[in-house]
N, C-alpha and C. Protein backbone atom coordinates (compact mmCIF):
# COMPACT_ATOMS: atom_id res chain seq x y z
N MET A 1 119.67 103.15 66.12
CA MET A 1 120.80 103.29 66.69
C MET A 1 120.94 101.99 67.38
N ASN A 2 122.30 101.46 67.09
CA ASN A 2 122.61 100.12 67.81
C ASN A 2 123.22 100.34 69.27
N ARG A 3 123.08 99.40 70.10
CA ARG A 3 123.55 99.42 71.36
C ARG A 3 124.30 98.10 71.74
N THR A 4 125.29 97.88 72.20
CA THR A 4 126.00 96.66 72.41
C THR A 4 125.39 96.19 74.04
N VAL A 5 125.31 95.03 74.17
CA VAL A 5 124.89 94.33 75.53
C VAL A 5 125.97 93.15 75.84
N TYR A 6 126.76 93.45 77.10
CA TYR A 6 127.73 92.43 77.35
C TYR A 6 126.96 91.17 78.00
N VAL A 7 127.02 90.18 77.72
CA VAL A 7 126.58 88.82 78.13
C VAL A 7 127.52 87.86 78.67
N PRO A 8 127.81 87.85 79.99
CA PRO A 8 128.91 86.88 80.17
C PRO A 8 128.87 85.33 79.62
N ASP A 9 129.96 84.76 79.38
CA ASP A 9 129.88 83.39 78.88
C ASP A 9 129.11 82.39 79.46
N ASP A 10 129.04 82.54 80.87
CA ASP A 10 128.33 81.60 81.75
C ASP A 10 126.64 81.97 81.81
N GLU A 11 126.55 82.87 80.79
CA GLU A 11 124.96 83.34 80.67
C GLU A 11 124.28 83.29 79.43
N ILE A 12 125.26 82.64 78.32
CA ILE A 12 124.89 82.38 76.96
C ILE A 12 123.69 81.74 76.78
N GLU A 13 123.48 80.66 77.70
CA GLU A 13 122.45 79.84 77.84
C GLU A 13 121.20 80.70 77.93
N THR A 14 121.20 81.40 78.88
CA THR A 14 120.00 82.28 79.24
C THR A 14 119.66 83.13 78.00
N TRP A 15 120.89 83.89 77.50
CA TRP A 15 120.49 84.57 76.39
C TRP A 15 119.78 83.94 75.06
N GLU A 16 120.43 82.74 74.74
CA GLU A 16 119.84 82.11 73.67
C GLU A 16 118.40 81.81 74.01
N MET A 17 118.24 81.18 75.23
CA MET A 17 116.73 80.76 75.57
C MET A 17 115.71 82.09 75.29
N ALA A 18 116.36 83.20 75.73
CA ALA A 18 115.54 84.31 75.56
C ALA A 18 115.03 84.80 74.30
N ARG A 19 116.26 84.74 73.24
CA ARG A 19 116.31 85.11 72.09
C ARG A 19 115.13 84.33 71.29
N LYS A 20 115.33 82.65 71.70
CA LYS A 20 114.32 81.90 70.90
C LYS A 20 112.89 82.43 71.31
N LEU A 21 112.60 82.49 72.63
CA LEU A 21 111.33 82.85 73.21
C LEU A 21 110.83 84.14 72.38
N ALA A 22 111.63 85.11 72.30
CA ALA A 22 111.33 86.20 71.68
C ALA A 22 111.33 86.37 70.22
N ASN A 23 111.39 85.14 69.58
CA ASN A 23 111.51 85.08 68.03
C ASN A 23 112.45 86.00 67.46
N ASP A 24 113.96 86.15 68.15
CA ASP A 24 114.78 86.81 67.67
C ASP A 24 114.52 88.56 67.71
N ARG A 25 113.61 88.82 68.60
CA ARG A 25 113.42 90.14 68.68
C ARG A 25 113.87 90.53 70.41
N LEU A 26 114.89 90.65 70.63
CA LEU A 26 115.14 90.88 72.09
C LEU A 26 115.07 92.40 72.45
N SER A 27 115.34 93.29 71.56
CA SER A 27 115.04 94.61 71.86
C SER A 27 113.93 94.99 72.72
N PRO A 28 112.60 94.47 72.29
CA PRO A 28 111.59 94.94 73.18
C PRO A 28 111.50 94.35 74.69
N VAL A 29 112.31 93.13 74.75
CA VAL A 29 112.33 92.45 75.85
C VAL A 29 113.29 93.24 76.78
N ILE A 30 114.44 93.71 76.33
CA ILE A 30 115.43 94.58 76.84
C ILE A 30 114.88 95.79 77.62
N LEU A 31 114.18 96.30 76.72
CA LEU A 31 113.42 97.69 76.86
C LEU A 31 112.54 97.57 78.12
N GLN A 32 111.72 96.51 78.09
CA GLN A 32 110.52 96.36 79.03
C GLN A 32 111.40 96.16 80.41
N ALA A 33 112.44 95.15 80.41
CA ALA A 33 113.12 94.96 81.75
C ALA A 33 113.82 96.31 82.19
N LEU A 34 114.19 97.23 81.33
CA LEU A 34 114.84 98.53 81.91
C LEU A 34 113.81 99.46 82.40
N LYS A 35 112.67 99.58 81.74
CA LYS A 35 111.71 100.30 82.38
C LYS A 35 111.09 99.84 83.67
N GLU A 36 111.06 98.32 83.92
CA GLU A 36 110.61 97.96 85.22
C GLU A 36 111.67 98.21 86.08
N PHE A 37 112.98 98.14 85.79
CA PHE A 37 114.11 98.35 86.68
C PHE A 37 113.95 100.02 87.03
N ILE A 38 113.70 100.53 86.31
CA ILE A 38 113.55 102.24 86.21
C ILE A 38 112.45 102.24 87.32
N MET A 39 111.35 101.94 87.05
CA MET A 39 110.32 102.12 87.88
C MET A 39 110.41 101.58 89.45
N THR A 40 111.15 100.36 89.64
CA THR A 40 111.43 99.97 90.81
C THR A 40 112.45 100.89 91.65
N LYS A 41 113.12 101.48 90.84
CA LYS A 41 114.41 102.18 91.49
C LYS A 41 113.79 103.56 92.07
N GLU A 42 112.95 103.95 90.86
CA GLU A 42 112.11 105.19 91.58
C GLU A 42 111.02 104.88 92.59
N MET A 43 110.65 104.06 92.70
CA MET A 43 109.42 103.69 93.91
C MET A 43 110.38 103.85 95.01
N GLU A 44 111.64 103.06 95.10
CA GLU A 44 112.60 102.75 96.28
C GLU A 44 113.17 103.97 96.62
N ALA A 45 113.33 105.14 95.59
CA ALA A 45 113.62 106.41 96.06
C ALA A 45 112.67 107.27 96.63
N ALA A 46 111.54 106.96 96.18
CA ALA A 46 110.24 107.76 96.75
C ALA A 46 110.02 107.06 98.14
N GLU A 47 110.10 106.01 98.37
CA GLU A 47 109.88 105.50 99.80
C GLU A 47 110.89 105.87 100.76
N ALA A 48 111.85 106.02 100.26
CA ALA A 48 113.18 106.56 101.13
C ALA A 48 112.92 107.82 101.49
N ALA A 49 112.31 108.66 100.51
CA ALA A 49 111.81 110.20 100.90
C ALA A 49 110.73 110.43 101.69
N GLY A 50 110.16 109.24 102.15
CA GLY A 50 108.92 109.20 102.90
C GLY A 50 107.65 109.19 102.07
N PHE A 51 107.54 108.75 100.96
CA PHE A 51 106.38 108.53 100.21
C PHE A 51 105.91 107.34 100.21
N GLU A 52 104.60 107.11 100.40
CA GLU A 52 103.99 105.72 100.50
C GLU A 52 102.85 105.38 99.42
N ARG A 53 102.52 104.24 99.58
CA ARG A 53 101.34 104.11 98.66
C ARG A 53 99.99 104.49 99.47
N ILE A 54 99.14 105.51 98.91
CA ILE A 54 98.10 105.74 99.56
C ILE A 54 97.07 105.58 98.78
N GLU A 55 95.70 104.84 99.54
CA GLU A 55 94.59 104.42 98.66
C GLU A 55 93.51 105.27 99.43
N ILE A 56 92.69 105.99 98.53
CA ILE A 56 91.51 106.72 99.07
C ILE A 56 90.38 106.21 98.58
N ALA A 57 89.23 105.82 99.25
CA ALA A 57 88.15 105.41 99.00
C ALA A 57 86.99 106.36 98.96
N PHE A 58 86.12 106.78 98.06
CA PHE A 58 85.27 107.89 98.10
C PHE A 58 84.00 107.62 97.20
N ASP A 59 82.94 108.19 97.59
CA ASP A 59 81.93 108.16 96.55
C ASP A 59 82.01 109.21 95.69
N ASP A 60 82.02 108.70 94.36
CA ASP A 60 82.09 109.68 92.99
C ASP A 60 81.01 110.45 92.86
N ALA A 61 80.53 111.54 93.36
CA ALA A 61 79.58 112.74 92.96
C ALA A 61 79.35 112.73 91.53
N ASP A 62 80.50 112.64 90.71
CA ASP A 62 80.46 112.69 89.31
C ASP A 62 79.73 111.55 88.47
N ASP A 63 79.80 110.48 89.29
CA ASP A 63 79.51 109.23 88.72
C ASP A 63 78.30 108.68 89.53
N ASN A 64 77.17 109.46 89.78
CA ASN A 64 76.08 108.79 90.53
C ASN A 64 76.43 108.17 91.83
N HIS A 65 77.43 108.98 92.55
CA HIS A 65 77.81 108.46 94.13
C HIS A 65 78.23 106.95 94.20
N LEU A 66 78.77 106.54 93.04
CA LEU A 66 79.24 105.10 92.93
C LEU A 66 80.46 105.10 93.86
N PRO A 67 80.73 104.03 94.58
CA PRO A 67 81.91 103.89 95.71
C PRO A 67 83.15 103.75 94.47
N LYS A 68 84.15 104.28 94.73
CA LYS A 68 85.37 104.12 94.02
C LYS A 68 86.73 104.10 94.99
N ARG A 69 87.71 103.67 94.34
CA ARG A 69 89.00 103.44 94.99
C ARG A 69 90.08 104.20 94.19
N LYS A 70 91.05 104.98 94.36
CA LYS A 70 92.05 105.68 93.87
C LYS A 70 93.20 105.33 94.59
N ALA A 71 94.43 104.80 93.90
CA ALA A 71 95.76 104.80 94.76
C ALA A 71 96.80 105.50 93.96
N PHE A 72 97.70 105.95 94.78
CA PHE A 72 99.00 106.76 94.14
C PHE A 72 99.90 106.66 95.38
N ARG A 73 101.40 107.12 94.78
CA ARG A 73 102.24 107.24 95.76
C ARG A 73 102.41 108.86 96.27
N GLY A 74 102.28 109.20 97.57
CA GLY A 74 102.39 110.27 98.07
C GLY A 74 102.67 110.54 99.57
N LYS A 75 102.69 111.55 100.00
CA LYS A 75 102.88 111.84 101.59
C LYS A 75 101.68 112.42 102.35
N TRP A 76 101.09 111.91 103.37
CA TRP A 76 100.19 112.68 104.09
C TRP A 76 100.81 113.88 104.73
N LEU A 77 100.17 115.02 104.23
CA LEU A 77 100.51 116.21 104.99
C LEU A 77 99.77 116.54 106.40
N ILE A 78 98.50 116.10 106.44
CA ILE A 78 97.64 116.07 107.40
C ILE A 78 97.24 114.64 107.47
N ALA A 79 97.68 113.73 108.60
CA ALA A 79 97.24 112.35 108.72
C ALA A 79 95.95 112.18 108.64
N PRO A 80 95.24 111.13 107.96
CA PRO A 80 93.87 110.97 108.06
C PRO A 80 93.25 110.66 109.42
N ASP A 81 93.90 109.93 110.26
CA ASP A 81 93.37 109.61 111.55
C ASP A 81 93.63 110.79 112.73
N GLU A 82 94.13 111.99 112.26
CA GLU A 82 94.13 113.24 112.91
C GLU A 82 93.60 114.16 112.15
N PRO A 83 92.17 114.50 111.86
CA PRO A 83 91.91 115.31 110.96
C PRO A 83 92.08 116.64 111.45
N LEU A 84 92.18 117.80 110.58
CA LEU A 84 92.50 119.06 110.83
C LEU A 84 91.07 119.58 111.39
N ARG A 85 91.11 120.32 112.55
CA ARG A 85 89.90 120.80 113.32
C ARG A 85 89.83 122.09 113.21
N ARG A 86 88.82 122.68 112.98
CA ARG A 86 88.67 124.14 112.99
C ARG A 86 87.37 124.50 113.56
N LYS A 87 87.05 125.86 114.07
CA LYS A 87 86.29 126.28 114.45
C LYS A 87 85.40 127.35 113.61
N ILE A 88 84.08 127.18 113.54
CA ILE A 88 83.10 127.84 112.55
C ILE A 88 82.05 128.25 113.54
N GLY A 89 82.01 129.68 113.80
CA GLY A 89 80.84 130.07 114.52
C GLY A 89 80.91 129.56 116.04
N GLY A 90 81.94 129.16 116.60
CA GLY A 90 81.97 128.81 117.86
C GLY A 90 81.97 127.29 118.06
N GLU A 91 81.75 126.43 116.94
CA GLU A 91 81.54 125.16 116.99
C GLU A 91 82.69 124.36 116.12
N THR A 92 83.39 123.55 116.93
CA THR A 92 84.72 122.68 116.37
C THR A 92 84.10 121.77 115.52
N GLN A 93 84.53 121.63 114.12
CA GLN A 93 84.39 120.57 113.36
C GLN A 93 85.61 119.90 112.82
N ALA A 94 85.32 118.60 112.66
CA ALA A 94 86.55 117.92 111.98
C ALA A 94 86.43 117.85 110.48
N CYS A 95 87.56 118.34 109.80
CA CYS A 95 87.64 118.52 108.52
C CYS A 95 88.73 117.81 108.02
N PHE A 96 88.43 116.75 107.10
CA PHE A 96 89.13 115.84 106.69
C PHE A 96 90.03 116.32 105.33
N TYR A 97 90.92 117.22 105.68
CA TYR A 97 91.88 117.70 104.73
C TYR A 97 93.33 116.79 104.95
N SER A 98 93.88 116.48 103.91
CA SER A 98 95.04 115.70 103.97
C SER A 98 96.05 115.83 102.76
């Protein structure tokens, strides 16, 4: 499927340089730029909705308790600095649910 890309006259030099560097294969270059654009806009929308980059550090019980770190975009439902406290048998315990 063919698509047309408009390039202003004052940007022809940019187009030609990119075409040469891409060995006349600009489609993959354009698609990569579009994917990066989409990802950036989705991250901006997520941040506007209150999502943030969350990084979790833990010892992986499934991998000999090796320390691991994982990161993702999300929202804290219960802030980690204010753990959920619950009573078990008259004793208050801090449980780290988030």
